[in-house]
Each structure stands twice: as structure tokens, then as C-alpha cells.
Amino acid sequence: MAEIIVYSKGYCPYCTAAKALLSQKGASFTEIDVTSDPALHAQMVDRAGGRRTVPQIFINGAHIGGSDDLHALDAAGKLDPLLTA
């Protein structure tokens, strides 16, 4: 299975939607909650090329983007191959 990292905040509906899709696909992921940790948030922004919103999703080290990006990959049939790589 792929290594998946999801940077999130506890009160974020987009984070919830992204995690639900990954769970529906049977993918395990590591969640990093940046709600109250400025250092983790800064790490996320750096890794995401300046994107400050959550979630920010990485699969096998590649930046996927946010929830909309993840769902678009799924709709295009490109998410499943990434999850099995």
C-alpha cells in the first residue's frame, strides 16, 4: 500500500471528506493535525509549495493537493492506481 499523509484540522469538513474517501478505498493514512501547532502548519505549507489550506494530502511523497484534488483524481480513475503503488 501507498504511504499517505493527510495534514488536517479537527473542525474541517474538507478534511473529513478526504479522510472518508481514503477510508472508503481501504487506504490507511497518517493524519497530522495542525490545528494548534504552528511548527507543523509551517511544515505543511513548506511541503505543499505554499498552500496554507487543509487538508494537504501526500501519496508516496507526491503532493496531491486538497480534498477537491483527491476527489477529482478518484473521478478520473487515477486515485486507485496511486493507492496500490
PDB file of N, CA and C in Angstrom:
ATOM      1  N   MET A   1       0.831  -1.194   0.000  1.00  0.00           N
ATOM      2  CA  MET A   1       0.000   0.000   0.000  1.00  0.00           C
ATOM      3  C   MET A   1       0.868   1.247   0.000  1.00  0.00           C
ATOM      4  N   ALA A   2       0.281   2.301  -0.450  1.00  0.00           N
ATOM      5  CA  ALA A   2       0.971   3.587  -0.532  1.00  0.00           C
ATOM      6  C   ALA A   2       1.097   4.218   0.847  1.00  0.00           C
ATOM      7  N   GLU A   3       2.108   5.065   0.991  1.00  0.00           N
ATOM      8  CA  GLU A   3       2.244   5.863   2.202  1.00  0.00           C
ATOM      9  C   GLU A   3       1.453   7.148   1.976  1.00  0.00           C
ATOM     10  N   ILE A   4       0.464   7.376   2.817  1.00  0.00           N
ATOM     11  CA  ILE A   4      -0.411   8.536   2.663  1.00  0.00           C
ATOM     12  C   ILE A   4      -0.331   9.385   3.917  1.00  0.00           C
ATOM     13  N   ILE A   5      -0.108  10.677   3.722  1.00  0.00           N
ATOM     14  CA  ILE A   5      -0.085  11.625   4.834  1.00  0.00           C
ATOM     15  C   ILE A   5      -1.134  12.685   4.549  1.00  0.00           C
ATOM     16  N   VAL A   6      -1.981  12.933   5.549  1.00  0.00           N
ATOM     17  CA  VAL A   6      -3.027  13.938   5.442  1.00  0.00           C
ATOM     18  C   VAL A   6      -2.807  14.969   6.543  1.00  0.00           C
ATOM     19  N   TYR A   7      -2.472  16.185   6.150  1.00  0.00           N
ATOM     20  CA  TYR A   7      -2.403  17.288   7.104  1.00  0.00           C
ATOM     21  C   TYR A   7      -3.819  17.825   7.241  1.00  0.00           C
ATOM     22  N   SER A   8      -4.291  17.976   8.477  1.00  0.00           N
ATOM     23  CA  SER A   8      -5.685  18.343   8.677  1.00  0.00           C
ATOM     24  C   SER A   8      -5.866  19.226   9.907  1.00  0.00           C
ATOM     25  N   LYS A   9      -7.119  19.668  10.074  1.00  0.00           N
ATOM     26  CA  LYS A   9      -7.565  20.342  11.289  1.00  0.00           C
ATOM     27  C   LYS A   9      -8.846  19.657  11.719  1.00  0.00           C
ATOM     28  N   GLY A  10      -9.071  19.616  13.015  1.00  0.00           N
ATOM     29  CA  GLY A  10     -10.193  18.863  13.559  1.00  0.00           C
ATOM     30  C   GLY A  10     -11.562  19.334  13.122  1.00  0.00           C
ATOM     31  N   TYR A  11     -11.733  20.605  12.835  1.00  0.00           N
ATOM     32  CA  TYR A  11     -13.046  21.153  12.526  1.00  0.00           C
ATOM     33  C   TYR A  11     -13.267  21.375  11.030  1.00  0.00           C
ATOM     34  N   CYS A  12     -12.505  20.731  10.211  1.00  0.00           N
ATOM     35  CA  CYS A  12     -12.508  20.976   8.764  1.00  0.00           C
ATOM     36  C   CYS A  12     -13.370  19.944   8.019  1.00  0.00           C
ATOM     37  N   PRO A  13     -14.477  20.379   7.403  1.00  0.00           N
ATOM     38  CA  PRO A  13     -15.313  19.422   6.661  1.00  0.00           C
ATOM     39  C   PRO A  13     -14.625  18.842   5.431  1.00  0.00           C
ATOM     40  N   TYR A  14     -13.714  19.603   4.817  1.00  0.00           N
ATOM     41  CA  TYR A  14     -12.975  19.088   3.658  1.00  0.00           C
ATOM     42  C   TYR A  14     -12.014  17.982   4.080  1.00  0.00           C
ATOM     43  N   CYS A  15     -11.424  18.149   5.268  1.00  0.00           N
ATOM     44  CA  CYS A  15     -10.560  17.096   5.809  1.00  0.00           C
ATOM     45  C   CYS A  15     -11.365  15.833   6.053  1.00  0.00           C
ATOM     46  N   THR A  16     -12.544  16.005   6.631  1.00  0.00           N
ATOM     47  CA  THR A  16     -13.416  14.864   6.905  1.00  0.00           C
ATOM     48  C   THR A  16     -13.782  14.143   5.613  1.00  0.00           C
ATOM     49  N   ALA A  17     -14.108  14.901   4.567  1.00  0.00           N
ATOM     50  CA  ALA A  17     -14.468  14.290   3.279  1.00  0.00           C
ATOM     51  C   ALA A  17     -13.299  13.538   2.660  1.00  0.00           C
ATOM     52  N   ALA A  18     -12.114  14.125   2.730  1.00  0.00           N
ATOM     53  CA  ALA A  18     -10.936  13.464   2.158  1.00  0.00           C
ATOM     54  C   ALA A  18     -10.614  12.177   2.909  1.00  0.00           C
ATOM     55  N   LYS A  19     -10.659  12.242   4.237  1.00  0.00           N
ATOM     56  CA  LYS A  19     -10.368  11.045   5.041  1.00  0.00           C
ATOM     57  C   LYS A  19     -11.428   9.978   4.819  1.00  0.00           C
ATOM     58  N   ALA A  20     -12.678  10.385   4.632  1.00  0.00           N
ATOM     59  CA  ALA A  20     -13.745   9.413   4.372  1.00  0.00           C
ATOM     60  C   ALA A  20     -13.517   8.699   3.045  1.00  0.00           C
ATOM     61  N   LEU A  21     -13.107   9.441   2.018  1.00  0.00           N
ATOM     62  CA  LEU A  21     -12.835   8.810   0.720  1.00  0.00           C
ATOM     63  C   LEU A  21     -11.691   7.811   0.839  1.00  0.00           C
ATOM     64  N   LEU A  22     -10.626   8.210   1.504  1.00  0.00           N
ATOM     65  CA  LEU A  22      -9.489   7.295   1.670  1.00  0.00           C
ATOM     66  C   LEU A  22      -9.907   6.057   2.451  1.00  0.00           C
ATOM     67  N   SER A  23     -10.691   6.245   3.495  1.00  0.00           N
ATOM     68  CA  SER A  23     -11.154   5.103   4.292  1.00  0.00           C
ATOM     69  C   SER A  23     -12.064   4.197   3.467  1.00  0.00           C
ATOM     70  N   GLN A  24     -12.923   4.803   2.654  1.00  0.00           N
ATOM     71  CA  GLN A  24     -13.818   4.033   1.781  1.00  0.00           C
ATOM     72  C   GLN A  24     -13.009   3.175   0.812  1.00  0.00           C
ATOM     73  N   LYS A  25     -11.861   3.682   0.399  1.00  0.00           N
ATOM     74  CA  LYS A  25     -10.983   2.938  -0.512  1.00  0.00           C
ATOM     75  C   LYS A  25     -10.151   1.883   0.215  1.00  0.00           C
ATOM     76  N   GLY A  26     -10.258   1.857   1.551  1.00  0.00           N
ATOM     77  CA  GLY A  26      -9.492   0.894   2.328  1.00  0.00           C
ATOM     78  C   GLY A  26      -8.042   1.305   2.525  1.00  0.00           C
ATOM     79  N   ALA A  27      -7.747   2.562   2.302  1.00  0.00           N
ATOM     80  CA  ALA A  27      -6.373   3.052   2.415  1.00  0.00           C
ATOM     81  C   ALA A  27      -6.094   3.512   3.841  1.00  0.00           C
ATOM     82  N   SER A  28      -4.976   3.083   4.370  1.00  0.00           N
ATOM     83  CA  SER A  28      -4.564   3.584   5.677  1.00  0.00           C
ATOM     84  C   SER A  28      -3.725   4.834   5.456  1.00  0.00           C
ATOM     85  N   PHE A  29      -3.826   5.767   6.387  1.00  0.00           N
ATOM     86  CA  PHE A  29      -3.113   7.020   6.234  1.00  0.00           C
ATOM     87  C   PHE A  29      -2.684   7.538   7.593  1.00  0.00           C
ATOM     88  N   THR A  30      -1.684   8.382   7.569  1.00  0.00           N
ATOM     89  CA  THR A  30      -1.222   9.066   8.766  1.00  0.00           C
ATOM     90  C   THR A  30      -1.804  10.467   8.742  1.00  0.00           C
ATOM     91  N   GLU A  31      -2.502  10.819   9.805  1.00  0.00           N
ATOM     92  CA  GLU A  31      -3.085  12.153   9.904  1.00  0.00           C
ATOM     93  C   GLU A  31      -2.213  13.016  10.803  1.00  0.00           C
ATOM     94  N   ILE A  32      -1.877  14.193  10.313  1.00  0.00           N
ATOM     95  CA  ILE A  32      -1.116  15.152  11.104  1.00  0.00           C
ATOM     96  C   ILE A  32      -2.013  16.355  11.336  1.00  0.00           C
ATOM     97  N   ASP A  33      -2.474  16.509  12.575  1.00  0.00           N
ATOM     98  CA  ASP A  33      -3.379  17.597  12.938  1.00  0.00           C
ATOM     99  C   ASP A  33      -2.554  18.853  13.206  1.00  0.00           C
ATOM    100  N   VAL A  34      -2.777  19.889  12.401  1.00  0.00           N
ATOM    101  CA  VAL A  34      -2.014  21.129  12.524  1.00  0.00           C
ATOM    102  C   VAL A  34      -2.813  22.224  13.236  1.00  0.00           C
ATOM    103  N   THR A  35      -3.927  21.844  13.853  1.00  0.00           N
ATOM    104  CA  THR A  35      -4.829  22.817  14.467  1.00  0.00           C
ATOM    105  C   THR A  35      -4.116  23.782  15.401  1.00  0.00           C
ATOM    106  N   SER A  36      -3.351  23.257  16.324  1.00  0.00           N
ATOM    107  CA  SER A  36      -2.761  24.129  17.344  1.00  0.00           C
ATOM    108  C   SER A  36      -1.243  24.014  17.400  1.00  0.00           C
ATOM    109  N   ASP A  37      -0.634  23.647  16.286  1.00  0.00           N
ATOM    110  CA  ASP A  37       0.815  23.514  16.257  1.00  0.00           C
ATOM    111  C   ASP A  37       1.383  24.310  15.084  1.00  0.00           C
ATOM    112  N   PRO A  38       1.821  25.539  15.339  1.00  0.00           N
ATOM    113  CA  PRO A  38       2.342  26.378  14.253  1.00  0.00           C
ATOM    114  C   PRO A  38       3.526  25.752  13.514  1.00  0.00           C
ATOM    115  N   ALA A  39       4.352  24.987  14.199  1.00  0.00           N
ATOM    116  CA  ALA A  39       5.502  24.359  13.541  1.00  0.00           C
ATOM    117  C   ALA A  39       5.043  23.315  12.530  1.00  0.00           C
ATOM    118  N   LEU A  40       4.052  22.513  12.896  1.00  0.00           N
ATOM    119  CA  LEU A  40       3.522  21.514  11.959  1.00  0.00           C
ATOM    120  C   LEU A  40       2.821  22.192  10.789  1.00  0.00           C
ATOM    121  N   HIS A  41       2.115  23.283  11.074  1.00  0.00           N
ATOM    122  CA  HIS A  41       1.451  24.019   9.997  1.00  0.00           C
ATOM    123  C   HIS A  41       2.493  24.581   9.029  1.00  0.00           C
ATOM    124  N   ALA A  42       3.573  25.123   9.562  1.00  0.00           N
ATOM    125  CA  ALA A  42       4.646  25.649   8.709  1.00  0.00           C
ATOM    126  C   ALA A  42       5.275  24.538   7.877  1.00  0.00           C
ATOM    127  N   GLN A  43       5.443  23.359   8.473  1.00  0.00           N
ATOM    128  CA  GLN A  43       5.980  22.203   7.745  1.00  0.00           C
ATOM    129  C   GLN A  43       5.057  21.847   6.581  1.00  0.00           C
ATOM    130  N   MET A  44       3.744  21.853   6.844  1.00  0.00           N
ATOM    131  CA  MET A  44       2.769  21.535   5.808  1.00  0.00           C
ATOM    132  C   MET A  44       2.856  22.544   4.667  1.00  0.00           C
ATOM    133  N   VAL A  45       2.887  23.837   4.997  1.00  0.00           N
ATOM    134  CA  VAL A  45       2.952  24.892   3.985  1.00  0.00           C
ATOM    135  C   VAL A  45       4.207  24.733   3.134  1.00  0.00           C
ATOM    136  N   ASP A  46       5.309  24.424   3.766  1.00  0.00           N
ATOM    137  CA  ASP A  46       6.567  24.226   3.047  1.00  0.00           C
ATOM    138  C   ASP A  46       6.467  23.042   2.093  1.00  0.00           C
ATOM    139  N   ARG A  47       5.963  21.917   2.590  1.00  0.00           N
ATOM    140  CA  ARG A  47       5.850  20.713   1.751  1.00  0.00           C
ATOM    141  C   ARG A  47       4.853  20.899   0.623  1.00  0.00           C
ATOM    142  N   ALA A  48       3.820  21.725   0.871  1.00  0.00           N
ATOM    143  CA  ALA A  48       2.743  21.898  -0.106  1.00  0.00           C
ATOM    144  C   ALA A  48       2.999  23.058  -1.061  1.00  0.00           C
ATOM    145  N   GLY A  49       4.217  23.550  -1.090  1.00  0.00           N
ATOM    146  CA  GLY A  49       4.560  24.606  -2.026  1.00  0.00           C
ATOM    147  C   GLY A  49       3.859  25.924  -1.754  1.00  0.00           C
ATOM    148  N   GLY A  50       3.591  26.194  -0.488  1.00  0.00           N
ATOM    149  CA  GLY A  50       2.976  27.460  -0.108  1.00  0.00           C
ATOM    150  C   GLY A  50       1.480  27.401   0.133  1.00  0.00           C
ATOM    151  N   ARG A  51       0.860  26.281  -0.162  1.00  0.00           N
ATOM    152  CA  ARG A  51      -0.583  26.163   0.086  1.00  0.00           C
ATOM    153  C   ARG A  51      -0.826  26.079   1.590  1.00  0.00           C
ATOM    154  N   ARG A  52      -1.717  26.925   2.082  1.00  0.00           N
ATOM    155  CA  ARG A  52      -1.940  27.067   3.515  1.00  0.00           C
ATOM    156  C   ARG A  52      -3.230  26.388   3.998  1.00  0.00           C
ATOM    157  N   THR A  53      -4.088  25.976   3.071  1.00  0.00           N
ATOM    158  CA  THR A  53      -5.375  25.408   3.462  1.00  0.00           C
ATOM    159  C   THR A  53      -5.237  23.926   3.770  1.00  0.00           C
ATOM    160  N   VAL A  54      -6.180  23.411   4.518  1.00  0.00           N
ATOM    161  CA  VAL A  54      -6.220  21.984   4.811  1.00  0.00           C
ATOM    162  C   VAL A  54      -7.464  21.387   4.166  1.00  0.00           C
ATOM    163  N   PRO A  55      -7.400  20.103   3.830  1.00  0.00           N
ATOM    164  CA  PRO A  55      -6.265  19.220   4.002  1.00  0.00           C
ATOM    165  C   PRO A  55      -5.220  19.426   2.906  1.00  0.00           C
ATOM    166  N   GLN A  56      -4.026  18.986   3.207  1.00  0.00           N
ATOM    167  CA  GLN A  56      -2.980  18.827   2.197  1.00  0.00           C
ATOM    168  C   GLN A  56      -2.602  17.354   2.243  1.00  0.00           C
ATOM    169  N   ILE A  57      -2.662  16.705   1.099  1.00  0.00           N
ATOM    170  CA  ILE A  57      -2.534  15.249   1.024  1.00  0.00           C
ATOM    171  C   ILE A  57      -1.311  14.886   0.193  1.00  0.00           C
ATOM    172  N   PHE A  58      -0.559  13.934   0.712  1.00  0.00           N
ATOM    173  CA  PHE A  58       0.637  13.426   0.033  1.00  0.00           C
ATOM    174  C   PHE A  58       0.512  11.914  -0.088  1.00  0.00           C
ATOM    175  N   ILE A  59       0.782  11.399  -1.276  1.00  0.00           N
ATOM    176  CA  ILE A  59       0.775   9.953  -1.500  1.00  0.00           C
ATOM    177  C   ILE A  59       2.149   9.576  -2.035  1.00  0.00           C
ATOM    178  N   ASN A  60       2.826   8.702  -1.294  1.00  0.00           N
ATOM    179  CA  ASN A  60       4.196   8.287  -1.632  1.00  0.00           C
ATOM    180  C   ASN A  60       5.105   9.497  -1.862  1.00  0.00           C
ATOM    181  N   GLY A  61       4.942  10.507  -1.028  1.00  0.00           N
ATOM    182  CA  GLY A  61       5.784  11.689  -1.085  1.00  0.00           C
ATOM    183  C   GLY A  61       5.368  12.732  -2.103  1.00  0.00           C
ATOM    184  N   ALA A  62       4.439  12.396  -2.987  1.00  0.00           N
ATOM    185  CA  ALA A  62       3.975  13.338  -4.007  1.00  0.00           C
ATOM    186  C   ALA A  62       2.803  14.147  -3.472  1.00  0.00           C
ATOM    187  N   HIS A  63       2.843  15.441  -3.692  1.00  0.00           N
ATOM    188  CA  HIS A  63       1.769  16.317  -3.238  1.00  0.00           C
ATOM    189  C   HIS A  63       0.562  16.152  -4.150  1.00  0.00           C
ATOM    190  N   ILE A  64      -0.554  15.729  -3.571  1.00  0.00           N
ATOM    191  CA  ILE A  64      -1.796  15.540  -4.316  1.00  0.00           C
ATOM    192  C   ILE A  64      -2.605  16.825  -4.324  1.00  0.00           C
ATOM    193  N   GLY A  65      -2.594  17.532  -3.210  1.00  0.00           N
ATOM    194  CA  GLY A  65      -3.390  18.747  -3.064  1.00  0.00           C
ATOM    195  C   GLY A  65      -4.404  18.572  -1.955  1.00  0.00           C
ATOM    196  N   GLY A  66      -5.560  19.183  -2.138  1.00  0.00           N
ATOM    197  CA  GLY A  66      -6.597  19.144  -1.123  1.00  0.00           C
ATOM    198  C   GLY A  66      -7.684  18.129  -1.423  1.00  0.00           C
ATOM    199  N   SER A  67      -8.791  18.274  -0.728  1.00  0.00           N
ATOM    200  CA  SER A  67      -9.906  17.341  -0.865  1.00  0.00           C
ATOM    201  C   SER A  67     -10.471  17.333  -2.285  1.00  0.00           C
ATOM    202  N   ASP A  68     -10.665  18.524  -2.865  1.00  0.00           N
ATOM    203  CA  ASP A  68     -11.197  18.592  -4.229  1.00  0.00           C
ATOM    204  C   ASP A  68     -10.265  17.889  -5.212  1.00  0.00           C
ATOM    205  N   ASP A  69      -8.965  18.067  -5.017  1.00  0.00           N
ATOM    206  CA  ASP A  69      -7.983  17.412  -5.896  1.00  0.00           C
ATOM    207  C   ASP A  69      -8.054  15.893  -5.755  1.00  0.00           C
ATOM    208  N   LEU A  70      -8.187  15.436  -4.515  1.00  0.00           N
ATOM    209  CA  LEU A  70      -8.280  13.997  -4.254  1.00  0.00           C
ATOM    210  C   LEU A  70      -9.530  13.410  -4.909  1.00  0.00           C
ATOM    211  N   HIS A  71     -10.663  14.094  -4.745  1.00  0.00           N
ATOM    212  CA  HIS A  71     -11.908  13.615  -5.342  1.00  0.00           C
ATOM    213  C   HIS A  71     -11.858  13.662  -6.870  1.00  0.00           C
ATOM    214  N   ALA A  72     -11.184  14.664  -7.430  1.00  0.00           N
ATOM    215  CA  ALA A  72     -11.035  14.745  -8.888  1.00  0.00           C
ATOM    216  C   ALA A  72     -10.200  13.578  -9.412  1.00  0.00           C
ATOM    217  N   LEU A  73      -9.143  13.231  -8.688  1.00  0.00           N
ATOM    218  CA  LEU A  73      -8.336  12.061  -9.076  1.00  0.00           C
ATOM    219  C   LEU A  73      -9.192  10.802  -9.080  1.00  0.00           C
ATOM    220  N   ASP A  74     -10.027  10.672  -8.065  1.00  0.00           N
ATOM    221  CA  ASP A  74     -10.897   9.500  -7.978  1.00  0.00           C
ATOM    222  C   ASP A  74     -11.884   9.478  -9.135  1.00  0.00           C
ATOM    223  N   ALA A  75     -12.497  10.620  -9.423  1.00  0.00           N
ATOM    224  CA  ALA A  75     -13.476  10.688 -10.517  1.00  0.00           C
ATOM    225  C   ALA A  75     -12.837  10.370 -11.867  1.00  0.00           C
ATOM    226  N   ALA A  76     -11.561  10.705 -12.019  1.00  0.00           N
ATOM    227  CA  ALA A  76     -10.847  10.438 -13.272  1.00  0.00           C
ATOM    228  C   ALA A  76     -10.277   9.018 -13.320  1.00  0.00           C
ATOM    229  N   GLY A  77     -10.483   8.238 -12.252  1.00  0.00           N
ATOM    230  CA  GLY A  77      -9.964   6.875 -12.214  1.00  0.00           C
ATOM    231  C   GLY A  77      -8.477   6.788 -11.947  1.00  0.00           C
ATOM    232  N   LYS A  78      -7.881   7.869 -11.439  1.00  0.00           N
ATOM    233  CA  LYS A  78      -6.440   7.893 -11.223  1.00  0.00           C
ATOM    234  C   LYS A  78      -6.028   7.698  -9.768  1.00  0.00           C
ATOM    235  N   LEU A  79      -6.999   7.653  -8.852  1.00  0.00           N
ATOM    236  CA  LEU A  79      -6.647   7.507  -7.441  1.00  0.00           C
ATOM    237  C   LEU A  79      -6.277   6.069  -7.090  1.00  0.00           C
ATOM    238  N   ASP A  80      -7.061   5.114  -7.524  1.00  0.00           N
ATOM    239  CA  ASP A  80      -6.809   3.712  -7.166  1.00  0.00           C
ATOM    240  C   ASP A  80      -5.396   3.251  -7.530  1.00  0.00           C
ATOM    241  N   PRO A  81      -4.894   3.577  -8.735  1.00  0.00           N
ATOM    242  CA  PRO A  81      -3.511   3.179  -9.047  1.00  0.00           C
ATOM    243  C   PRO A  81      -2.483   3.787  -8.107  1.00  0.00           C
ATOM    244  N   LEU A  82      -2.723   5.036  -7.666  1.00  0.00           N
ATOM    245  CA  LEU A  82      -1.786   5.660  -6.716  1.00  0.00           C
ATOM    246  C   LEU A  82      -1.810   4.939  -5.371  1.00  0.00           C
ATOM    247  N   LEU A  83      -2.990   4.493  -4.966  1.00  0.00           N
ATOM    248  CA  LEU A  83      -3.123   3.845  -3.661  1.00  0.00           C
ATOM    249  C   LEU A  83      -2.496   2.449  -3.636  1.00  0.00           C
ATOM    250  N   THR A  84      -2.374   1.834  -4.794  1.00  0.00           N
ATOM    251  CA  THR A  84      -1.806   0.480  -4.833  1.00  0.00           C
ATOM    252  C   THR A  84      -0.334   0.481  -5.201  1.00  0.00           C
ATOM    253  N   ALA A  85       0.196   1.646  -5.536  1.00  0.00           N
ATOM    254  CA  ALA A  85       1.602   1.730  -5.961  1.00  0.00           C
ATOM    255  C   ALA A  85       2.537   1.490  -4.790  1.00  0.00           C
TER     256      ALA A  85
END
